[in-house]
Amino acid sequence: MNKYRLGKLPEYTYLAENYLEKLHEFGADELLINTQHTYFAGKFEWSHRDPFDRLLVAQAFTENMFLVTNDSVFHSIPWLDVLW
């Protein structure tokens, strides 16, 4: 939402403004951050220091999910299942 708020994603205005509706329409659920996620995010070895990216990796790994992204920063994690 930060990039949207900064005006960097104008083509996603409708999606951002109707996020919860679209989430349910896609059959998806919110994944809340829990203690296991934060512990893993702080513990695993990765030179990348962005805390939000670390949480995304931690959630994907601990919940046995794919991380869907086009951000190349995640290429350096061989054990992470990523859909590009």
PDB file of N, CA and C in Angstrom:
ATOM      1  N   MET A   1       0.818  -1.196   0.000  1.00  0.00           N
ATOM      2  CA  MET A   1       0.000   0.000   0.000  1.00  0.00           C
ATOM      3  C   MET A   1       0.864   1.263   0.000  1.00  0.00           C
ATOM      4  N   ASN A   2       2.082   1.180   0.493  1.00  0.00           N
ATOM      5  CA  ASN A   2       2.925   2.361   0.539  1.00  0.00           C
ATOM      6  C   ASN A   2       3.215   2.899  -0.861  1.00  0.00           C
ATOM      7  N   LYS A   3       3.544   2.025  -1.803  1.00  0.00           N
ATOM      8  CA  LYS A   3       3.805   2.485  -3.170  1.00  0.00           C
ATOM      9  C   LYS A   3       2.545   3.086  -3.778  1.00  0.00           C
ATOM     10  N   TYR A   4       1.405   2.505  -3.471  1.00  0.00           N
ATOM     11  CA  TYR A   4       0.130   3.049  -3.947  1.00  0.00           C
ATOM     12  C   TYR A   4      -0.086   4.444  -3.356  1.00  0.00           C
ATOM     13  N   ARG A   5       0.134   4.567  -2.057  1.00  0.00           N
ATOM     14  CA  ARG A   5      -0.050   5.846  -1.367  1.00  0.00           C
ATOM     15  C   ARG A   5       0.848   6.933  -1.939  1.00  0.00           C
ATOM     16  N   LEU A   6       2.038   6.540  -2.362  1.00  0.00           N
ATOM     17  CA  LEU A   6       2.993   7.490  -2.933  1.00  0.00           C
ATOM     18  C   LEU A   6       2.711   7.808  -4.398  1.00  0.00           C
ATOM     19  N   GLY A   7       1.655   7.187  -4.962  1.00  0.00           N
ATOM     20  CA  GLY A   7       1.285   7.454  -6.348  1.00  0.00           C
ATOM     21  C   GLY A   7       2.094   6.695  -7.378  1.00  0.00           C
ATOM     22  N   LYS A   8       2.831   5.654  -6.936  1.00  0.00           N
ATOM     23  CA  LYS A   8       3.679   4.904  -7.860  1.00  0.00           C
ATOM     24  C   LYS A   8       2.931   3.792  -8.589  1.00  0.00           C
ATOM     25  N   LEU A   9       1.700   3.500  -8.185  1.00  0.00           N
ATOM     26  CA  LEU A   9       0.930   2.428  -8.814  1.00  0.00           C
ATOM     27  C   LEU A   9      -0.479   2.906  -9.170  1.00  0.00           C
ATOM     28  N   PRO A  10      -0.602   3.935  -9.989  1.00  0.00           N
ATOM     29  CA  PRO A  10      -1.937   4.470 -10.284  1.00  0.00           C
ATOM     30  C   PRO A  10      -2.858   3.469 -10.958  1.00  0.00           C
ATOM     31  N   GLU A  11      -2.294   2.491 -11.676  1.00  0.00           N
ATOM     32  CA  GLU A  11      -3.126   1.505 -12.352  1.00  0.00           C
ATOM     33  C   GLU A  11      -3.806   0.541 -11.377  1.00  0.00           C
ATOM     34  N   TYR A  12      -3.408   0.555 -10.120  1.00  0.00           N
ATOM     35  CA  TYR A  12      -3.986  -0.336  -9.114  1.00  0.00           C
ATOM     36  C   TYR A  12      -4.913   0.386  -8.144  1.00  0.00           C
ATOM     37  N   THR A  13      -5.388   1.557  -8.497  1.00  0.00           N
ATOM     38  CA  THR A  13      -6.251   2.336  -7.615  1.00  0.00           C
ATOM     39  C   THR A  13      -7.478   1.544  -7.192  1.00  0.00           C
ATOM     40  N   TYR A  14      -8.176   0.929  -8.160  1.00  0.00           N
ATOM     41  CA  TYR A  14      -9.388   0.184  -7.837  1.00  0.00           C
ATOM     42  C   TYR A  14      -9.086  -0.976  -6.892  1.00  0.00           C
ATOM     43  N   LEU A  15      -8.016  -1.709  -7.161  1.00  0.00           N
ATOM     44  CA  LEU A  15      -7.654  -2.837  -6.314  1.00  0.00           C
ATOM     45  C   LEU A  15      -7.321  -2.380  -4.896  1.00  0.00           C
ATOM     46  N   ALA A  16      -6.557  -1.330  -4.779  1.00  0.00           N
ATOM     47  CA  ALA A  16      -6.174  -0.839  -3.455  1.00  0.00           C
ATOM     48  C   ALA A  16      -7.380  -0.351  -2.662  1.00  0.00           C
ATOM     49  N   GLU A  17      -8.291   0.316  -3.327  1.00  0.00           N
ATOM     50  CA  GLU A  17      -9.456   0.861  -2.631  1.00  0.00           C
ATOM     51  C   GLU A  17     -10.500  -0.205  -2.308  1.00  0.00           C
ATOM     52  N   ASN A  18     -10.423  -1.358  -2.960  1.00  0.00           N
ATOM     53  CA  ASN A  18     -11.372  -2.448  -2.735  1.00  0.00           C
ATOM     54  C   ASN A  18     -10.644  -3.734  -2.351  1.00  0.00           C
ATOM     55  N   TYR A  19      -9.581  -3.568  -1.575  1.00  0.00           N
ATOM     56  CA  TYR A  19      -8.679  -4.673  -1.276  1.00  0.00           C
ATOM     57  C   TYR A  19      -9.383  -5.866  -0.631  1.00  0.00           C
ATOM     58  N   LEU A  20     -10.109  -5.647   0.447  1.00  0.00           N
ATOM     59  CA  LEU A  20     -10.740  -6.766   1.151  1.00  0.00           C
ATOM     60  C   LEU A  20     -11.775  -7.468   0.278  1.00  0.00           C
ATOM     61  N   GLU A  21     -12.535  -6.695  -0.465  1.00  0.00           N
ATOM     62  CA  GLU A  21     -13.519  -7.277  -1.380  1.00  0.00           C
ATOM     63  C   GLU A  21     -12.825  -8.171  -2.412  1.00  0.00           C
ATOM     64  N   LYS A  22     -11.754  -7.672  -3.005  1.00  0.00           N
ATOM     65  CA  LYS A  22     -11.027  -8.430  -4.019  1.00  0.00           C
ATOM     66  C   LYS A  22     -10.332  -9.655  -3.414  1.00  0.00           C
ATOM     67  N   LEU A  23      -9.835  -9.522  -2.215  1.00  0.00           N
ATOM     68  CA  LEU A  23      -9.191 -10.633  -1.532  1.00  0.00           C
ATOM     69  C   LEU A  23     -10.153 -11.806  -1.410  1.00  0.00           C
ATOM     70  N   HIS A  24     -11.357 -11.529  -0.960  1.00  0.00           N
ATOM     71  CA  HIS A  24     -12.366 -12.575  -0.813  1.00  0.00           C
ATOM     72  C   HIS A  24     -12.849 -13.086  -2.173  1.00  0.00           C
ATOM     73  N   GLU A  25     -12.937 -12.204  -3.153  1.00  0.00           N
ATOM     74  CA  GLU A  25     -13.339 -12.602  -4.503  1.00  0.00           C
ATOM     75  C   GLU A  25     -12.339 -13.591  -5.104  1.00  0.00           C
ATOM     76  N   PHE A  26     -11.052 -13.414  -4.805  1.00  0.00           N
ATOM     77  CA  PHE A  26     -10.017 -14.315  -5.295  1.00  0.00           C
ATOM     78  C   PHE A  26      -9.953 -15.608  -4.487  1.00  0.00           C
ATOM     79  N   GLY A  27     -10.710 -15.675  -3.398  1.00  0.00           N
ATOM     80  CA  GLY A  27     -10.684 -16.856  -2.541  1.00  0.00           C
ATOM     81  C   GLY A  27      -9.471 -16.898  -1.636  1.00  0.00           C
ATOM     82  N   ALA A  28      -8.905 -15.744  -1.366  1.00  0.00           N
ATOM     83  CA  ALA A  28      -7.711 -15.655  -0.527  1.00  0.00           C
ATOM     84  C   ALA A  28      -8.089 -15.197   0.890  1.00  0.00           C
ATOM     85  N   ASP A  29      -7.187 -15.425   1.797  1.00  0.00           N
ATOM     86  CA  ASP A  29      -7.354 -14.980   3.179  1.00  0.00           C
ATOM     87  C   ASP A  29      -6.166 -14.126   3.576  1.00  0.00           C
ATOM     88  N   GLU A  30      -6.364 -13.286   4.548  1.00  0.00           N
ATOM     89  CA  GLU A  30      -5.250 -12.519   5.095  1.00  0.00           C
ATOM     90  C   GLU A  30      -4.366 -13.454   5.907  1.00  0.00           C
ATOM     91  N   LEU A  31      -3.079 -13.227   5.855  1.00  0.00           N
ATOM     92  CA  LEU A  31      -2.143 -13.984   6.671  1.00  0.00           C
ATOM     93  C   LEU A  31      -1.548 -13.015   7.682  1.00  0.00           C
ATOM     94  N   LEU A  32      -1.994 -13.144   8.909  1.00  0.00           N
ATOM     95  CA  LEU A  32      -1.525 -12.248   9.955  1.00  0.00           C
ATOM     96  C   LEU A  32      -0.112 -12.621  10.382  1.00  0.00           C
ATOM     97  N   ILE A  33       0.632 -11.654  10.862  1.00  0.00           N
ATOM     98  CA  ILE A  33       1.990 -11.872  11.344  1.00  0.00           C
ATOM     99  C   ILE A  33       1.903 -12.428  12.762  1.00  0.00           C
ATOM    100  N   ASN A  34       2.616 -13.543  13.006  1.00  0.00           N
ATOM    101  CA  ASN A  34       2.608 -14.126  14.346  1.00  0.00           C
ATOM    102  C   ASN A  34       4.037 -14.206  14.892  1.00  0.00           C
ATOM    103  N   THR A  35       4.165 -14.696  16.089  1.00  0.00           N
ATOM    104  CA  THR A  35       5.466 -14.764  16.759  1.00  0.00           C
ATOM    105  C   THR A  35       6.452 -15.648  16.009  1.00  0.00           C
ATOM    106  N   GLN A  36       5.978 -16.765  15.471  1.00  0.00           N
ATOM    107  CA  GLN A  36       6.855 -17.653  14.713  1.00  0.00           C
ATOM    108  C   GLN A  36       7.444 -16.925  13.505  1.00  0.00           C
ATOM    109  N   HIS A  37       6.632 -16.118  12.836  1.00  0.00           N
ATOM    110  CA  HIS A  37       7.108 -15.360  11.674  1.00  0.00           C
ATOM    111  C   HIS A  37       8.197 -14.377  12.091  1.00  0.00           C
ATOM    112  N   THR A  38       7.945 -13.628  13.154  1.00  0.00           N
ATOM    113  CA  THR A  38       8.913 -12.604  13.558  1.00  0.00           C
ATOM    114  C   THR A  38      10.213 -13.223  14.055  1.00  0.00           C
ATOM    115  N   TYR A  39      10.106 -14.337  14.763  1.00  0.00           N
ATOM    116  CA  TYR A  39      11.307 -15.019  15.241  1.00  0.00           C
ATOM    117  C   TYR A  39      12.154 -15.490  14.065  1.00  0.00           C
ATOM    118  N   PHE A  40      11.512 -16.144  13.096  1.00  0.00           N
ATOM    119  CA  PHE A  40      12.228 -16.643  11.927  1.00  0.00           C
ATOM    120  C   PHE A  40      12.830 -15.493  11.123  1.00  0.00           C
ATOM    121  N   ALA A  41      12.082 -14.410  10.960  1.00  0.00           N
ATOM    122  CA  ALA A  41      12.556 -13.254  10.187  1.00  0.00           C
ATOM    123  C   ALA A  41      13.837 -12.673  10.778  1.00  0.00           C
ATOM    124  N   GLY A  42      13.920 -12.664  12.085  1.00  0.00           N
ATOM    125  CA  GLY A  42      15.105 -12.125  12.736  1.00  0.00           C
ATOM    126  C   GLY A  42      16.263 -13.087  12.818  1.00  0.00           C
ATOM    127  N   LYS A  43      15.978 -14.369  12.668  1.00  0.00           N
ATOM    128  CA  LYS A  43      16.987 -15.395  12.889  1.00  0.00           C
ATOM    129  C   LYS A  43      17.707 -15.868  11.627  1.00  0.00           C
ATOM    130  N   PHE A  44      17.011 -16.004  10.500  1.00  0.00           N
ATOM    131  CA  PHE A  44      17.648 -16.644   9.350  1.00  0.00           C
ATOM    132  C   PHE A  44      18.709 -15.744   8.721  1.00  0.00           C
ATOM    133  N   GLU A  45      19.730 -16.405   8.168  1.00  0.00           N
ATOM    134  CA  GLU A  45      20.861 -15.708   7.560  1.00  0.00           C
ATOM    135  C   GLU A  45      20.487 -15.197   6.174  1.00  0.00           C
ATOM    136  N   TRP A  46      20.552 -13.897   6.003  1.00  0.00           N
ATOM    137  CA  TRP A  46      20.307 -13.258   4.712  1.00  0.00           C
ATOM    138  C   TRP A  46      20.866 -11.852   4.824  1.00  0.00           C
ATOM    139  N   SER A  47      21.661 -11.441   3.890  1.00  0.00           N
ATOM    140  CA  SER A  47      22.295 -10.125   3.963  1.00  0.00           C
ATOM    141  C   SER A  47      21.303  -8.978   3.749  1.00  0.00           C
ATOM    142  N   HIS A  48      20.162  -9.266   3.169  1.00  0.00           N
ATOM    143  CA  HIS A  48      19.133  -8.250   2.932  1.00  0.00           C
ATOM    144  C   HIS A  48      18.525  -7.836   4.273  1.00  0.00           C
ATOM    145  N   ARG A  49      18.458  -6.548   4.534  1.00  0.00           N
ATOM    146  CA  ARG A  49      18.051  -6.084   5.858  1.00  0.00           C
ATOM    147  C   ARG A  49      16.636  -5.515   5.937  1.00  0.00           C
ATOM    148  N   ASP A  50      15.929  -5.417   4.828  1.00  0.00           N
ATOM    149  CA  ASP A  50      14.586  -4.847   4.838  1.00  0.00           C
ATOM    150  C   ASP A  50      13.664  -5.720   5.687  1.00  0.00           C
ATOM    151  N   PRO A  51      13.131  -5.183   6.791  1.00  0.00           N
ATOM    152  CA  PRO A  51      12.326  -6.009   7.700  1.00  0.00           C
ATOM    153  C   PRO A  51      11.040  -6.531   7.072  1.00  0.00           C
ATOM    154  N   PHE A  52      10.431  -5.791   6.177  1.00  0.00           N
ATOM    155  CA  PHE A  52       9.205  -6.266   5.546  1.00  0.00           C
ATOM    156  C   PHE A  52       9.503  -7.440   4.615  1.00  0.00           C
ATOM    157  N   ASP A  53      10.571  -7.347   3.841  1.00  0.00           N
ATOM    158  CA  ASP A  53      10.960  -8.460   2.975  1.00  0.00           C
ATOM    159  C   ASP A  53      11.297  -9.695   3.803  1.00  0.00           C
ATOM    160  N   ARG A  54      11.974  -9.497   4.928  1.00  0.00           N
ATOM    161  CA  ARG A  54      12.306 -10.617   5.798  1.00  0.00           C
ATOM    162  C   ARG A  54      11.043 -11.280   6.339  1.00  0.00           C
ATOM    163  N   LEU A  55      10.028 -10.479   6.660  1.00  0.00           N
ATOM    164  CA  LEU A  55       8.761 -11.052   7.123  1.00  0.00           C
ATOM    165  C   LEU A  55       8.048 -11.824   6.026  1.00  0.00           C
ATOM    166  N   LEU A  56       8.090 -11.326   4.797  1.00  0.00           N
ATOM    167  CA  LEU A  56       7.484 -12.059   3.682  1.00  0.00           C
ATOM    168  C   LEU A  56       8.130 -13.430   3.516  1.00  0.00           C
ATOM    169  N   VAL A  57       9.449 -13.473   3.577  1.00  0.00           N
ATOM    170  CA  VAL A  57      10.176 -14.738   3.471  1.00  0.00           C
ATOM    171  C   VAL A  57       9.802 -15.649   4.631  1.00  0.00           C
ATOM    172  N   ALA A  58       9.781 -15.109   5.822  1.00  0.00           N
ATOM    173  CA  ALA A  58       9.463 -15.908   7.008  1.00  0.00           C
ATOM    174  C   ALA A  58       8.051 -16.487   6.928  1.00  0.00           C
ATOM    175  N   GLN A  59       7.099 -15.684   6.504  1.00  0.00           N
ATOM    176  CA  GLN A  59       5.735 -16.185   6.374  1.00  0.00           C
ATOM    177  C   GLN A  59       5.643 -17.275   5.315  1.00  0.00           C
ATOM    178  N   ALA A  60       6.229 -17.047   4.166  1.00  0.00           N
ATOM    179  CA  ALA A  60       6.172 -18.035   3.096  1.00  0.00           C
ATOM    180  C   ALA A  60       6.797 -19.354   3.543  1.00  0.00           C
ATOM    181  N   PHE A  61       7.936 -19.262   4.197  1.00  0.00           N
ATOM    182  CA  PHE A  61       8.638 -20.478   4.596  1.00  0.00           C
ATOM    183  C   PHE A  61       7.922 -21.204   5.739  1.00  0.00           C
ATOM    184  N   THR A  62       7.579 -20.503   6.796  1.00  0.00           N
ATOM    185  CA  THR A  62       6.977 -21.165   7.958  1.00  0.00           C
ATOM    186  C   THR A  62       5.568 -21.668   7.679  1.00  0.00           C
ATOM    187  N   GLU A  63       4.877 -21.051   6.742  1.00  0.00           N
ATOM    188  CA  GLU A  63       3.516 -21.482   6.400  1.00  0.00           C
ATOM    189  C   GLU A  63       3.504 -22.446   5.201  1.00  0.00           C
ATOM    190  N   ASN A  64       4.704 -22.801   4.715  1.00  0.00           N
ATOM    191  CA  ASN A  64       4.843 -23.711   3.573  1.00  0.00           C
ATOM    192  C   ASN A  64       4.053 -23.202   2.368  1.00  0.00           C
ATOM    193  N   MET A  65       4.292 -21.933   2.029  1.00  0.00           N
ATOM    194  CA  MET A  65       3.612 -21.276   0.919  1.00  0.00           C
ATOM    195  C   MET A  65       4.634 -20.763  -0.086  1.00  0.00           C
ATOM    196  N   PHE A  66       4.151 -20.441  -1.268  1.00  0.00           N
ATOM    197  CA  PHE A  66       4.974 -19.772  -2.271  1.00  0.00           C
ATOM    198  C   PHE A  66       4.940 -18.274  -2.008  1.00  0.00           C
ATOM    199  N   LEU A  67       6.038 -17.613  -2.295  1.00  0.00           N
ATOM    200  CA  LEU A  67       6.070 -16.161  -2.290  1.00  0.00           C
ATOM    201  C   LEU A  67       5.907 -15.719  -3.738  1.00  0.00           C
ATOM    202  N   VAL A  68       4.892 -14.922  -4.001  1.00  0.00           N
ATOM    203  CA  VAL A  68       4.629 -14.450  -5.357  1.00  0.00           C
ATOM    204  C   VAL A  68       5.172 -13.031  -5.468  1.00  0.00           C
ATOM    205  N   THR A  69       6.182 -12.864  -6.330  1.00  0.00           N
ATOM    206  CA  THR A  69       6.835 -11.560  -6.455  1.00  0.00           C
ATOM    207  C   THR A  69       7.596 -11.481  -7.774  1.00  0.00           C
ATOM    208  N   ASN A  70       7.897 -10.273  -8.193  1.00  0.00           N
ATOM    209  CA  ASN A  70       8.806 -10.091  -9.322  1.00  0.00           C
ATOM    210  C   ASN A  70      10.072  -9.368  -8.864  1.00  0.00           C
ATOM    211  N   ASP A  71      10.267  -9.281  -7.560  1.00  0.00           N
ATOM    212  CA  ASP A  71      11.427  -8.615  -6.974  1.00  0.00           C
ATOM    213  C   ASP A  71      12.622  -9.581  -6.969  1.00  0.00           C
ATOM    214  N   SER A  72      13.676  -9.236  -7.654  1.00  0.00           N
ATOM    215  CA  SER A  72      14.837 -10.115  -7.791  1.00  0.00           C
ATOM    216  C   SER A  72      15.621 -10.298  -6.495  1.00  0.00           C
ATOM    217  N   VAL A  73      15.354  -9.508  -5.485  1.00  0.00           N
ATOM    218  CA  VAL A  73      16.091  -9.637  -4.226  1.00  0.00           C
ATOM    219  C   VAL A  73      15.883 -11.018  -3.602  1.00  0.00           C
ATOM    220  N   PHE A  74      14.788 -11.683  -3.943  1.00  0.00           N
ATOM    221  CA  PHE A  74      14.481 -12.989  -3.362  1.00  0.00           C
ATOM    222  C   PHE A  74      15.189 -14.138  -4.084  1.00  0.00           C
ATOM    223  N   HIS A  75      15.867 -13.849  -5.208  1.00  0.00           N
ATOM    224  CA  HIS A  75      16.601 -14.872  -5.956  1.00  0.00           C
ATOM    225  C   HIS A  75      17.721 -15.502  -5.131  1.00  0.00           C
ATOM    226  N   SER A  76      18.229 -14.790  -4.162  1.00  0.00           N
ATOM    227  CA  SER A  76      19.390 -15.263  -3.404  1.00  0.00           C
ATOM    228  C   SER A  76      19.043 -16.278  -2.317  1.00  0.00           C
ATOM    229  N   ILE A  77      17.772 -16.660  -2.199  1.00  0.00           N
ATOM    230  CA  ILE A  77      17.365 -17.600  -1.159  1.00  0.00           C
ATOM    231  C   ILE A  77      16.998 -18.932  -1.827  1.00  0.00           C
ATOM    232  N   PRO A  78      17.920 -19.876  -1.868  1.00  0.00           N
ATOM    233  CA  PRO A  78      17.695 -21.118  -2.626  1.00  0.00           C
ATOM    234  C   PRO A  78      16.590 -22.009  -2.063  1.00  0.00           C
ATOM    235  N   TRP A  79      16.309 -21.924  -0.785  1.00  0.00           N
ATOM    236  CA  TRP A  79      15.316 -22.797  -0.165  1.00  0.00           C
ATOM    237  C   TRP A  79      13.913 -22.193  -0.155  1.00  0.00           C
ATOM    238  N   LEU A  80      13.749 -21.012  -0.720  1.00  0.00           N
ATOM    239  CA  LEU A  80      12.451 -20.340  -0.750  1.00  0.00           C
ATOM    240  C   LEU A  80      11.720 -20.666  -2.042  1.00  0.00           C
ATOM    241  N   ASP A  81      10.456 -21.083  -1.931  1.00  0.00           N
ATOM    242  CA  ASP A  81       9.631 -21.349  -3.097  1.00  0.00           C
ATOM    243  C   ASP A  81       9.022 -20.026  -3.578  1.00  0.00           C
ATOM    244  N   VAL A  82       9.460 -19.595  -4.752  1.00  0.00           N
ATOM    245  CA  VAL A  82       9.029 -18.297  -5.276  1.00  0.00           C
ATOM    246  C   VAL A  82       8.380 -18.500  -6.650  1.00  0.00           C
ATOM    247  N   LEU A  83       7.244 -17.867  -6.860  1.00  0.00           N
ATOM    248  CA  LEU A  83       6.608 -17.802  -8.175  1.00  0.00           C
ATOM    249  C   LEU A  83       6.944 -16.443  -8.748  1.00  0.00           C
ATOM    250  N   TRP A  84       7.667 -16.414  -9.856  1.00  0.00           N
ATOM    251  CA  TRP A  84       8.120 -15.159 -10.460  1.00  0.00           C
ATOM    252  C   TRP A  84       7.118 -14.649 -11.404  1.00  0.00           C
TER     253      TRP A  84
END
